[in-house]
PDB file of N, CA and C in Angstrom:
ATOM      1  N   MET A   1      -0.379 -63.011  87.216  1.00  0.00           N
ATOM      2  CA  MET A   1      -0.867 -64.283  86.639  1.00  0.00           C
ATOM      3  C   MET A   1      -2.084 -64.689  87.401  1.00  0.00           C
ATOM      4  N   GLU A   2      -3.161 -65.006  86.682  1.00  0.00           N
ATOM      5  CA  GLU A   2      -4.423 -65.402  87.331  1.00  0.00           C
ATOM      6  C   GLU A   2      -4.272 -66.678  88.146  1.00  0.00           C
ATOM      7  N   LYS A   3      -5.023 -66.769  89.180  1.00  0.00           N
ATOM      8  CA  LYS A   3      -4.933 -67.945  90.055  1.00  0.00           C
ATOM      9  C   LYS A   3      -5.411 -69.202  89.381  1.00  0.00           C
ATOM     10  N   SER A   4      -6.252 -69.084  88.357  1.00  0.00           N
ATOM     11  CA  SER A   4      -6.752 -70.278  87.666  1.00  0.00           C
ATOM     12  C   SER A   4      -5.648 -71.034  86.929  1.00  0.00           C
ATOM     13  N   TYR A   5      -4.521 -70.373  86.673  1.00  0.00           N
ATOM     14  CA  TYR A   5      -3.411 -71.014  86.022  1.00  0.00           C
ATOM     15  C   TYR A   5      -2.405 -71.627  86.990  1.00  0.00           C
ATOM     16  N   ARG A   6      -2.623 -71.470  88.286  1.00  0.00           N
ATOM     17  CA  ARG A   6      -1.619 -71.923  89.242  1.00  0.00           C
ATOM     18  C   ARG A   6      -1.779 -73.356  89.640  1.00  0.00           C
ATOM     19  N   LEU A   7      -0.659 -74.004  89.795  1.00  0.00           N
ATOM     20  CA  LEU A   7      -0.576 -75.373  90.280  1.00  0.00           C
ATOM     21  C   LEU A   7      -0.490 -75.268  91.799  1.00  0.00           C
ATOM     22  N   LYS A   8      -1.445 -75.873  92.545  1.00  0.00           N
ATOM     23  CA  LYS A   8      -1.468 -75.603  93.981  1.00  0.00           C
ATOM     24  C   LYS A   8      -1.284 -76.876  94.829  1.00  0.00           C
ATOM     25  N   LYS A   9      -1.884 -77.988  94.389  1.00  0.00           N
ATOM     26  CA  LYS A   9      -1.901 -79.181  95.241  1.00  0.00           C
ATOM     27  C   LYS A   9      -0.526 -79.901  95.225  1.00  0.00           C
ATOM     28  N   ASN A  10      -0.199 -80.427  96.388  1.00  0.00           N
ATOM     29  CA  ASN A  10       1.058 -81.178  96.495  1.00  0.00           C
ATOM     30  C   ASN A  10       1.067 -82.322  95.531  1.00  0.00           C
ATOM     31  N   GLY A  11      -0.057 -83.010  95.389  1.00  0.00           N
ATOM     32  CA  GLY A  11      -0.137 -84.174  94.483  1.00  0.00           C
ATOM     33  C   GLY A  11       0.178 -83.787  93.058  1.00  0.00           C
ATOM     34  N   ALA A  12      -0.244 -82.621  92.649  1.00  0.00           N
ATOM     35  CA  ALA A  12       0.024 -82.171  91.252  1.00  0.00           C
ATOM     36  C   ALA A  12       1.495 -81.908  91.120  1.00  0.00           C
ATOM     37  N   PHE A  13       2.147 -81.263  92.107  1.00  0.00           N
ATOM     38  CA  PHE A  13       3.574 -81.059  92.059  1.00  0.00           C
ATOM     39  C   PHE A  13       4.346 -82.382  91.990  1.00  0.00           C
ATOM     40  N   GLN A  14       3.899 -83.352  92.803  1.00  0.00           N
ATOM     41  CA  GLN A  14       4.576 -84.658  92.832  1.00  0.00           C
ATOM     42  C   GLN A  14       4.433 -85.371  91.480  1.00  0.00           C
ATOM     43  N   TYR A  15       3.268 -85.191  90.831  1.00  0.00           N
ATOM     44  CA  TYR A  15       3.037 -85.812  89.501  1.00  0.00           C
ATOM     45  C   TYR A  15       4.071 -85.226  88.520  1.00  0.00           C
ATOM     46  N   VAL A  16       4.248 -83.911  88.542  1.00  0.00           N
ATOM     47  CA  VAL A  16       5.155 -83.274  87.599  1.00  0.00           C
ATOM     48  C   VAL A  16       6.634 -83.661  87.929  1.00  0.00           C
ATOM     49  N   TYR A  17       6.957 -83.778  89.224  1.00  0.00           N
ATOM     50  CA  TYR A  17       8.328 -84.192  89.577  1.00  0.00           C
ATOM     51  C   TYR A  17       8.591 -85.619  89.083  1.00  0.00           C
ATOM     52  N   ARG A  18       7.580 -86.522  89.210  1.00  0.00           N
ATOM     53  CA  ARG A  18       7.749 -87.910  88.777  1.00  0.00           C
ATOM     54  C   ARG A  18       7.735 -88.036  87.228  1.00  0.00           C
ATOM     55  N   ARG A  19       6.791 -87.431  86.593  1.00  0.00           N
ATOM     56  CA  ARG A  19       6.591 -87.656  85.166  1.00  0.00           C
ATOM     57  C   ARG A  19       7.212 -86.595  84.232  1.00  0.00           C
ATOM     58  N   GLY A  20       7.554 -85.446  84.804  1.00  0.00           N
ATOM     59  CA  GLY A  20       8.031 -84.381  83.964  1.00  0.00           C
ATOM     60  C   GLY A  20       9.427 -84.517  83.426  1.00  0.00           C
ATOM     61  N   LYS A  21       9.648 -83.854  82.287  1.00  0.00           N
ATOM     62  CA  LYS A  21      10.973 -83.714  81.706  1.00  0.00           C
ATOM     63  C   LYS A  21      11.544 -82.398  82.167  1.00  0.00           C
ATOM     64  N   SER A  22      12.840 -82.371  82.506  1.00  0.00           N
ATOM     65  CA  SER A  22      13.396 -81.150  83.019  1.00  0.00           C
ATOM     66  C   SER A  22      14.484 -80.558  82.086  1.00  0.00           C
ATOM     67  N   VAL A  23      14.545 -79.268  82.156  1.00  0.00           N
ATOM     68  CA  VAL A  23      15.615 -78.497  81.514  1.00  0.00           C
ATOM     69  C   VAL A  23      16.042 -77.444  82.531  1.00  0.00           C
ATOM     70  N   SER A  24      17.262 -76.963  82.436  1.00  0.00           N
ATOM     71  CA  SER A  24      17.724 -76.039  83.472  1.00  0.00           C
ATOM     72  C   SER A  24      18.620 -74.939  82.879  1.00  0.00           C
ATOM     73  N   THR A  25      18.651 -73.849  83.643  1.00  0.00           N
ATOM     74  CA  THR A  25      19.593 -72.768  83.364  1.00  0.00           C
ATOM     75  C   THR A  25      20.377 -72.527  84.690  1.00  0.00           C
ATOM     76  N   ARG A  26      21.138 -71.488  84.736  1.00  0.00           N
ATOM     77  CA  ARG A  26      21.976 -71.233  85.927  1.00  0.00           C
ATOM     78  C   ARG A  26      21.117 -71.067  87.193  1.00  0.00           C
ATOM     79  N   ASP A  27      20.005 -70.364  87.096  1.00  0.00           N
ATOM     80  CA  ASP A  27      19.217 -70.029  88.288  1.00  0.00           C
ATOM     81  C   ASP A  27      17.899 -70.804  88.388  1.00  0.00           C
ATOM     82  N   LEU A  28      17.469 -71.468  87.336  1.00  0.00           N
ATOM     83  CA  LEU A  28      16.120 -72.083  87.323  1.00  0.00           C
ATOM     84  C   LEU A  28      16.157 -73.477  86.732  1.00  0.00           C
ATOM     85  N   VAL A  29      15.175 -74.276  87.160  1.00  0.00           N
ATOM     86  CA  VAL A  29      14.956 -75.583  86.562  1.00  0.00           C
ATOM     87  C   VAL A  29      13.473 -75.620  86.210  1.00  0.00           C
ATOM     88  N   MET A  30      13.109 -76.101  85.020  1.00  0.00           N
ATOM     89  CA  MET A  30      11.720 -76.231  84.628  1.00  0.00           C
ATOM     90  C   MET A  30      11.427 -77.715  84.367  1.00  0.00           C
ATOM     91  N   LEU A  31      10.363 -78.165  84.954  1.00  0.00           N
ATOM     92  CA  LEU A  31       9.836 -79.499  84.662  1.00  0.00           C
ATOM     93  C   LEU A  31       8.476 -79.344  83.955  1.00  0.00           C
ATOM     94  N   ALA A  32       8.258 -80.155  82.950  1.00  0.00           N
ATOM     95  CA  ALA A  32       7.006 -80.074  82.196  1.00  0.00           C
ATOM     96  C   ALA A  32       6.444 -81.480  82.047  1.00  0.00           C
ATOM     97  N   ALA A  33       5.130 -81.602  82.295  1.00  0.00           N
ATOM     98  CA  ALA A  33       4.467 -82.856  82.126  1.00  0.00           C
ATOM     99  C   ALA A  33       3.148 -82.615  81.349  1.00  0.00           C
ATOM    100  N   ARG A  34       2.652 -83.663  80.731  1.00  0.00           N
ATOM    101  CA  ARG A  34       1.406 -83.527  79.966  1.00  0.00           C
ATOM    102  C   ARG A  34       0.237 -83.280  80.951  1.00  0.00           C
ATOM    103  N   GLY A  35      -0.690 -82.499  80.490  1.00  0.00           N
ATOM    104  CA  GLY A  35      -1.892 -82.245  81.264  1.00  0.00           C
ATOM    105  C   GLY A  35      -2.994 -81.648  80.434  1.00  0.00           C
ATOM    106  N   ARG A  36      -4.166 -81.650  80.956  1.00  0.00           N
ATOM    107  CA  ARG A  36      -5.362 -81.125  80.148  1.00  0.00           C
ATOM    108  C   ARG A  36      -5.261 -79.624  79.970  1.00  0.00           C
ATOM    109  N   GLY A  37      -5.198 -78.905  81.057  1.00  0.00           N
ATOM    110  CA  GLY A  37      -5.208 -77.454  80.950  1.00  0.00           C
ATOM    111  C   GLY A  37      -3.753 -76.935  81.168  1.00  0.00           C
ATOM    112  N   LEU A  38      -3.659 -75.610  81.239  1.00  0.00           N
ATOM    113  CA  LEU A  38      -2.359 -75.017  81.487  1.00  0.00           C
ATOM    114  C   LEU A  38      -2.274 -74.650  82.976  1.00  0.00           C
ATOM    115  N   LYS A  39      -1.315 -75.282  83.676  1.00  0.00           N
ATOM    116  CA  LYS A  39      -1.096 -74.947  85.115  1.00  0.00           C
ATOM    117  C   LYS A  39       0.367 -74.786  85.308  1.00  0.00           C
ATOM    118  N   VAL A  40       0.725 -73.782  86.146  1.00  0.00           N
ATOM    119  CA  VAL A  40       2.125 -73.471  86.409  1.00  0.00           C
ATOM    120  C   VAL A  40       2.311 -73.378  87.908  1.00  0.00           C
ATOM    121  N   GLY A  41       3.345 -74.049  88.422  1.00  0.00           N
ATOM    122  CA  GLY A  41       3.674 -73.947  89.830  1.00  0.00           C
ATOM    123  C   GLY A  41       5.084 -73.471  89.996  1.00  0.00           C
ATOM    124  N   PHE A  42       5.364 -72.840  91.146  1.00  0.00           N
ATOM    125  CA  PHE A  42       6.683 -72.283  91.442  1.00  0.00           C
ATOM    126  C   PHE A  42       7.150 -72.883  92.745  1.00  0.00           C
ATOM    127  N   SER A  43       8.386 -73.370  92.743  1.00  0.00           N
ATOM    128  CA  SER A  43       8.952 -73.977  93.971  1.00  0.00           C
ATOM    129  C   SER A  43      10.224 -73.207  94.335  1.00  0.00           C
ATOM    130  N   VAL A  44      10.183 -72.586  95.518  1.00  0.00           N
ATOM    131  CA  VAL A  44      11.322 -71.832  95.999  1.00  0.00           C
ATOM    132  C   VAL A  44      11.652 -72.320  97.399  1.00  0.00           C
ATOM    133  N   SER A  45      12.748 -73.086  97.558  1.00  0.00           N
ATOM    134  CA  SER A  45      13.056 -73.694  98.886  1.00  0.00           C
ATOM    135  C   SER A  45      13.685 -72.684  99.827  1.00  0.00           C
ATOM    136  N   LYS A  46      13.845 -73.133 101.066  1.00  0.00           N
ATOM    137  CA  LYS A  46      14.465 -72.274 102.069  1.00  0.00           C
ATOM    138  C   LYS A  46      15.916 -72.005 101.801  1.00  0.00           C
ATOM    139  N   LYS A  47      16.528 -72.780 100.932  1.00  0.00           N
ATOM    140  CA  LYS A  47      17.929 -72.513 100.573  1.00  0.00           C
ATOM    141  C   LYS A  47      18.079 -71.198  99.811  1.00  0.00           C
ATOM    142  N   VAL A  48      16.990 -70.720  99.200  1.00  0.00           N
ATOM    143  CA  VAL A  48      17.042 -69.458  98.422  1.00  0.00           C
ATOM    144  C   VAL A  48      17.164 -68.280  99.369  1.00  0.00           C
ATOM    145  N   GLY A  49      16.533 -68.343 100.519  1.00  0.00           N
ATOM    146  CA  GLY A  49      16.606 -67.185 101.494  1.00  0.00           C
ATOM    147  C   GLY A  49      15.463 -67.225 102.445  1.00  0.00           C
ATOM    148  N   ASN A  50      15.291 -66.101 103.115  1.00  0.00           N
ATOM    149  CA  ASN A  50      14.217 -66.029 104.082  1.00  0.00           C
ATOM    150  C   ASN A  50      12.858 -65.818 103.393  1.00  0.00           C
ATOM    151  N   ALA A  51      11.789 -65.702 104.124  1.00  0.00           N
ATOM    152  CA  ALA A  51      10.464 -65.691 103.529  1.00  0.00           C
ATOM    153  C   ALA A  51      10.279 -64.481 102.602  1.00  0.00           C
ATOM    154  N   VAL A  52      10.867 -63.348 102.957  1.00  0.00           N
ATOM    155  CA  VAL A  52      10.741 -62.178 102.143  1.00  0.00           C
ATOM    156  C   VAL A  52      11.419 -62.401 100.780  1.00  0.00           C
ATOM    157  N   THR A  53      12.579 -62.955 100.806  1.00  0.00           N
ATOM    158  CA  THR A  53      13.351 -63.237  99.558  1.00  0.00           C
ATOM    159  C   THR A  53      12.654 -64.271  98.704  1.00  0.00           C
ATOM    160  N   ARG A  54      12.145 -65.380  99.331  1.00  0.00           N
ATOM    161  CA  ARG A  54      11.443 -66.415  98.603  1.00  0.00           C
ATOM    162  C   ARG A  54      10.193 -65.845  97.922  1.00  0.00           C
ATOM    163  N   ASN A  55       9.430 -65.088  98.639  1.00  0.00           N
ATOM    164  CA  ASN A  55       8.201 -64.461  98.042  1.00  0.00           C
ATOM    165  C   ASN A  55       8.518 -63.513  96.913  1.00  0.00           C
ATOM    166  N   GLN A  56       9.644 -62.759  97.006  1.00  0.00           N
ATOM    167  CA  GLN A  56      10.025 -61.854  95.982  1.00  0.00           C
ATOM    168  C   GLN A  56      10.416 -62.665  94.707  1.00  0.00           C
ATOM    169  N   VAL A  57      11.159 -63.736  94.919  1.00  0.00           N
ATOM    170  CA  VAL A  57      11.533 -64.579  93.753  1.00  0.00           C
ATOM    171  C   VAL A  57      10.297 -65.172  93.105  1.00  0.00           C
ATOM    172  N   LYS A  58       9.329 -65.638  93.913  1.00  0.00           N
ATOM    173  CA  LYS A  58       8.071 -66.205  93.345  1.00  0.00           C
ATOM    174  C   LYS A  58       7.285 -65.155  92.585  1.00  0.00           C
ATOM    175  N   ARG A  59       7.205 -63.969  93.152  1.00  0.00           N
ATOM    176  CA  ARG A  59       6.476 -62.859  92.458  1.00  0.00           C
ATOM    177  C   ARG A  59       7.145 -62.557  91.127  1.00  0.00           C
ATOM    178  N   ARG A  60       8.470 -62.476  91.132  1.00  0.00           N
ATOM    179  CA  ARG A  60       9.210 -62.183  89.875  1.00  0.00           C
ATOM    180  C   ARG A  60       8.979 -63.328  88.855  1.00  0.00           C
ATOM    181  N   LEU A  61       9.028 -64.550  89.291  1.00  0.00           N
ATOM    182  CA  LEU A  61       8.855 -65.684  88.359  1.00  0.00           C
ATOM    183  C   LEU A  61       7.449 -65.697  87.776  1.00  0.00           C
ATOM    184  N   ARG A  62       6.426 -65.418  88.622  1.00  0.00           N
ATOM    185  CA  ARG A  62       5.061 -65.387  88.114  1.00  0.00           C
ATOM    186  C   ARG A  62       4.932 -64.274  87.043  1.00  0.00           C
ATOM    187  N   GLU A  63       5.563 -63.130  87.300  1.00  0.00           N
ATOM    188  CA  GLU A  63       5.506 -62.031  86.357  1.00  0.00           C
ATOM    189  C   GLU A  63       6.298 -62.347  85.070  1.00  0.00           C
ATOM    190  N   CYS A  64       7.342 -63.141  85.197  1.00  0.00           N
ATOM    191  CA  CYS A  64       8.120 -63.520  84.017  1.00  0.00           C
ATOM    192  C   CYS A  64       7.298 -64.503  83.108  1.00  0.00           C
ATOM    193  N   PHE A  65       6.515 -65.314  83.718  1.00  0.00           N
ATOM    194  CA  PHE A  65       5.727 -66.329  82.967  1.00  0.00           C
ATOM    195  C   PHE A  65       4.470 -65.747  82.418  1.00  0.00           C
ATOM    196  N   ARG A  66       3.897 -64.706  83.045  1.00  0.00           N
ATOM    197  CA  ARG A  66       2.588 -64.214  82.673  1.00  0.00           C
ATOM    198  C   ARG A  66       2.486 -63.769  81.215  1.00  0.00           C
ATOM    199  N   PRO A  67       3.451 -63.096  80.595  1.00  0.00           N
ATOM    200  CA  PRO A  67       3.272 -62.676  79.192  1.00  0.00           C
ATOM    201  C   PRO A  67       3.221 -63.857  78.231  1.00  0.00           C
ATOM    202  N   HIS A  68       3.681 -65.050  78.659  1.00  0.00           N
ATOM    203  CA  HIS A  68       3.746 -66.202  77.752  1.00  0.00           C
ATOM    204  C   HIS A  68       2.492 -67.102  77.886  1.00  0.00           C
ATOM    205  N   LEU A  69       1.570 -66.752  78.772  1.00  0.00           N
ATOM    206  CA  LEU A  69       0.435 -67.627  79.028  1.00  0.00           C
ATOM    207  C   LEU A  69      -0.358 -67.988  77.735  1.00  0.00           C
ATOM    208  N   GLY A  70      -0.554 -67.010  76.840  1.00  0.00           N
ATOM    209  CA  GLY A  70      -1.310 -67.273  75.645  1.00  0.00           C
ATOM    210  C   GLY A  70      -0.593 -68.075  74.612  1.00  0.00           C
ATOM    211  N   ASP A  71       0.726 -68.137  74.737  1.00  0.00           N
ATOM    212  CA  ASP A  71       1.579 -68.798  73.734  1.00  0.00           C
ATOM    213  C   ASP A  71       2.037 -70.180  74.130  1.00  0.00           C
ATOM    214  N   VAL A  72       1.801 -70.597  75.358  1.00  0.00           N
ATOM    215  CA  VAL A  72       2.312 -71.867  75.843  1.00  0.00           C
ATOM    216  C   VAL A  72       1.328 -72.987  75.649  1.00  0.00           C
ATOM    217  N   LYS A  73       1.776 -74.171  75.267  1.00  0.00           N
ATOM    218  CA  LYS A  73       0.931 -75.333  75.102  1.00  0.00           C
ATOM    219  C   LYS A  73       0.344 -75.755  76.456  1.00  0.00           C
ATOM    220  N   ASN A  74      -0.784 -76.431  76.418  1.00  0.00           N
ATOM    221  CA  ASN A  74      -1.370 -76.956  77.652  1.00  0.00           C
ATOM    222  C   ASN A  74      -0.427 -77.980  78.258  1.00  0.00           C
ATOM    223  N   GLY A  75      -0.433 -78.060  79.574  1.00  0.00           N
ATOM    224  CA  GLY A  75       0.423 -78.943  80.305  1.00  0.00           C
ATOM    225  C   GLY A  75       0.650 -78.468  81.733  1.00  0.00           C
ATOM    226  N   LEU A  76       1.397 -79.219  82.464  1.00  0.00           N
ATOM    227  CA  LEU A  76       1.712 -78.831  83.826  1.00  0.00           C
ATOM    228  C   LEU A  76       3.186 -78.482  83.889  1.00  0.00           C
ATOM    229  N   TYR A  77       3.461 -77.308  84.406  1.00  0.00           N
ATOM    230  CA  TYR A  77       4.812 -76.771  84.435  1.00  0.00           C
ATOM    231  C   TYR A  77       5.159 -76.422  85.884  1.00  0.00           C
ATOM    232  N   VAL A  78       6.368 -76.779  86.301  1.00  0.00           N
ATOM    233  CA  VAL A  78       6.900 -76.381  87.595  1.00  0.00           C
ATOM    234  C   VAL A  78       8.235 -75.735  87.356  1.00  0.00           C
ATOM    235  N   ILE A  79       8.395 -74.517  87.922  1.00  0.00           N
ATOM    236  CA  ILE A  79       9.657 -73.802  87.851  1.00  0.00           C
ATOM    237  C   ILE A  79      10.279 -73.825  89.237  1.00  0.00           C
ATOM    238  N   VAL A  80      11.460 -74.367  89.332  1.00  0.00           N
ATOM    239  CA  VAL A  80      12.154 -74.523  90.620  1.00  0.00           C
ATOM    240  C   VAL A  80      13.291 -73.468  90.629  1.00  0.00           C
ATOM    241  N   ALA A  81      13.342 -72.657  91.658  1.00  0.00           N
ATOM    242  CA  ALA A  81      14.407 -71.636  91.756  1.00  0.00           C
ATOM    243  C   ALA A  81      15.591 -72.223  92.507  1.00  0.00           C
ATOM    244  N   ARG A  82      16.760 -72.024  91.934  1.00  0.00           N
ATOM    245  CA  ARG A  82      18.007 -72.390  92.674  1.00  0.00           C
ATOM    246  C   ARG A  82      18.404 -71.232  93.585  1.00  0.00           C
ATOM    247  N   PRO A  83      19.238 -71.487  94.554  1.00  0.00           N
ATOM    248  CA  PRO A  83      19.623 -70.405  95.495  1.00  0.00           C
ATOM    249  C   PRO A  83      20.164 -69.156  94.775  1.00  0.00           C
ATOM    250  N   SER A  84      20.811 -69.293  93.648  1.00  0.00           N
ATOM    251  CA  SER A  84      21.393 -68.163  92.960  1.00  0.00           C
ATOM    252  C   SER A  84      20.293 -67.246  92.359  1.00  0.00           C
ATOM    253  N   ALA A  85      19.024 -67.725  92.314  1.00  0.00           N
ATOM    254  CA  ALA A  85      17.940 -66.898  91.781  1.00  0.00           C
ATOM    255  C   ALA A  85      17.673 -65.676  92.627  1.00  0.00           C
ATOM    256  N   ALA A  86      18.031 -65.732  93.906  1.00  0.00           N
ATOM    257  CA  ALA A  86      17.828 -64.603  94.780  1.00  0.00           C
ATOM    258  C   ALA A  86      18.620 -63.358  94.356  1.00  0.00           C
ATOM    259  N   GLU A  87      19.791 -63.614  93.801  1.00  0.00           N
ATOM    260  CA  GLU A  87      20.633 -62.479  93.317  1.00  0.00           C
ATOM    261  C   GLU A  87      20.377 -62.070  91.910  1.00  0.00           C
ATOM    262  N   ALA A  88      19.604 -62.860  91.178  1.00  0.00           N
ATOM    263  CA  ALA A  88      19.392 -62.592  89.730  1.00  0.00           C
ATOM    264  C   ALA A  88      18.426 -61.368  89.578  1.00  0.00           C
ATOM    265  N   THR A  89      18.672 -60.565  88.549  1.00  0.00           N
ATOM    266  CA  THR A  89      17.794 -59.463  88.283  1.00  0.00           C
ATOM    267  C   THR A  89      16.520 -59.968  87.595  1.00  0.00           C
ATOM    268  N   PHE A  90      15.497 -59.121  87.540  1.00  0.00           N
ATOM    269  CA  PHE A  90      14.250 -59.479  86.880  1.00  0.00           C
ATOM    270  C   PHE A  90      14.483 -59.802  85.395  1.00  0.00           C
ATOM    271  N   GLN A  91      15.319 -59.011  84.728  1.00  0.00           N
ATOM    272  CA  GLN A  91      15.603 -59.236  83.314  1.00  0.00           C
ATOM    273  C   GLN A  91      16.322 -60.580  83.096  1.00  0.00           C
ATOM    274  N   MET A  92      17.210 -60.921  83.991  1.00  0.00           N
ATOM    275  CA  MET A  92      17.910 -62.233  83.886  1.00  0.00           C
ATOM    276  C   MET A  92      16.910 -63.391  83.992  1.00  0.00           C
ATOM    277  N   LEU A  93      15.987 -63.257  84.983  1.00  0.00           N
ATOM    278  CA  LEU A  93      15.004 -64.315  85.219  1.00  0.00           C
ATOM    279  C   LEU A  93      14.063 -64.405  83.992  1.00  0.00           C
ATOM    280  N   GLN A  94      13.705 -63.232  83.454  1.00  0.00           N
ATOM    281  CA  GLN A  94      12.803 -63.189  82.307  1.00  0.00           C
ATOM    282  C   GLN A  94      13.436 -63.921  81.132  1.00  0.00           C
ATOM    283  N   LYS A  95      14.688 -63.652  80.872  1.00  0.00           N
ATOM    284  CA  LYS A  95      15.405 -64.309  79.753  1.00  0.00           C
ATOM    285  C   LYS A  95      15.486 -65.819  80.008  1.00  0.00           C
ATOM    286  N   GLN A  96      15.767 -66.216  81.231  1.00  0.00           N
ATOM    287  CA  GLN A  96      15.920 -67.650  81.518  1.00  0.00           C
ATOM    288  C   GLN A  96      14.561 -68.385  81.417  1.00  0.00           C
ATOM    289  N   VAL A  97      13.468 -67.736  81.828  1.00  0.00           N
ATOM    290  CA  VAL A  97      12.134 -68.373  81.685  1.00  0.00           C
ATOM    291  C   VAL A  97      11.842 -68.577  80.213  1.00  0.00           C
ATOM    292  N   GLN A  98      12.103 -67.561  79.390  1.00  0.00           N
ATOM    293  CA  GLN A  98      11.846 -67.706  77.945  1.00  0.00           C
ATOM    294  C   GLN A  98      12.715 -68.807  77.357  1.00  0.00           C
ATOM    295  N   ASP A  99      13.996 -68.885  77.792  1.00  0.00           N
ATOM    296  CA  ASP A  99      14.924 -69.879  77.269  1.00  0.00           C
ATOM    297  C   ASP A  99      14.435 -71.304  77.684  1.00  0.00           C
ATOM    298  N   LEU A 100      13.969 -71.442  78.902  1.00  0.00           N
ATOM    299  CA  LEU A 100      13.463 -72.723  79.390  1.00  0.00           C
ATOM    300  C   LEU A 100      12.252 -73.178  78.562  1.00  0.00           C
ATOM    301  N   LEU A 101      11.327 -72.214  78.282  1.00  0.00           N
ATOM    302  CA  LEU A 101      10.170 -72.550  77.503  1.00  0.00           C
ATOM    303  C   LEU A 101      10.538 -72.977  76.046  1.00  0.00           C
ATOM    304  N   LEU A 102      11.511 -72.315  75.495  1.00  0.00           N
ATOM    305  CA  LEU A 102      11.977 -72.677  74.141  1.00  0.00           C
ATOM    306  C   LEU A 102      12.600 -74.076  74.182  1.00  0.00           C
ATOM    307  N   ARG A 103      13.401 -74.370  75.175  1.00  0.00           N
ATOM    308  CA  ARG A 103      14.091 -75.656  75.260  1.00  0.00           C
ATOM    309  C   ARG A 103      13.128 -76.790  75.575  1.00  0.00           C
ATOM    310  N   GLN A 104      12.008 -76.490  76.211  1.00  0.00           N
ATOM    311  CA  GLN A 104      10.955 -77.490  76.512  1.00  0.00           C
ATOM    312  C   GLN A 104      10.070 -77.678  75.320  1.00  0.00           C
ATOM    313  N   HIS A 105      10.187 -76.870  74.235  1.00  0.00           N
ATOM    314  CA  HIS A 105       9.327 -76.871  73.105  1.00  0.00           C
ATOM    315  C   HIS A 105       7.883 -76.614  73.568  1.00  0.00           C
ATOM    316  N   ALA A 106       7.750 -75.678  74.492  1.00  0.00           N
ATOM    317  CA  ALA A 106       6.424 -75.407  75.125  1.00  0.00           C
ATOM    318  C   ALA A 106       5.566 -74.414  74.366  1.00  0.00           C
ATOM    319  N   PHE A 107       6.163 -73.688  73.407  1.00  0.00           N
ATOM    320  CA  PHE A 107       5.414 -72.695  72.709  1.00  0.00           C
ATOM    321  C   PHE A 107       4.503 -73.366  71.649  1.00  0.00           C
ATOM    322  N   ARG A 108       3.374 -72.745  71.396  1.00  0.00           N
ATOM    323  CA  ARG A 108       2.447 -73.263  70.354  1.00  0.00           C
ATOM    324  C   ARG A 108       3.114 -73.006  68.988  1.00  0.00           C
ATOM    325  N   GLU A 109       2.576 -73.701  67.998  1.00  0.00           N
ATOM    326  CA  GLU A 109       3.047 -73.523  66.628  1.00  0.00           C
ATOM    327  C   GLU A 109       2.847 -72.085  66.180  1.00  0.00           C
ATOM    328  N   GLY A 110       3.799 -71.562  65.462  1.00  0.00           N
ATOM    329  CA  GLY A 110       3.676 -70.191  64.921  1.00  0.00           C
ATOM    330  C   GLY A 110       4.067 -69.112  65.860  1.00  0.00           C
ATOM    331  N   HIS A 111       4.556 -69.431  67.043  1.00  0.00           N
ATOM    332  CA  HIS A 111       4.975 -68.447  68.020  1.00  0.00           C
ATOM    333  C   HIS A 111       6.345 -67.917  67.668  1.00  0.00           C
ATOM    334  N   ASN A 112       6.497 -66.608  67.684  1.00  0.00           N
ATOM    335  CA  ASN A 112       7.827 -65.993  67.430  1.00  0.00           C
ATOM    336  C   ASN A 112       8.426 -65.594  68.749  1.00  0.00           C
ATOM    337  N   ALA A 113       9.372 -66.292  69.218  1.00  0.00           N
ATOM    338  CA  ALA A 113       9.993 -65.972  70.560  1.00  0.00           C
ATOM    339  C   ALA A 113      11.021 -64.900  70.451  1.00  0.00           C
TER     340      ALA A 113
END
């Protein structure tokens, strides 16, 4: 996923946490707030595991979101990993990310999920 799509600033994360609507699955929580462009942030706390595990989960989540970049409406999205995400397979995370996007109504009109 290109860096131009990443949510980086703490203030932006705080805005999404305050204003965003959340939906969740077993391993992930997604918050979405209105915004001008498309920005996505990933939050993986120390409860998920050590630095190696957290980075692996973040890399997997970025790769799960990347194919949907062209189909998702503009806005600010934050995906929060629960501790169980460390044991989830890539395919499980991929399915959950797609499910979260559907439940957030984040896909543009005419998208076939």
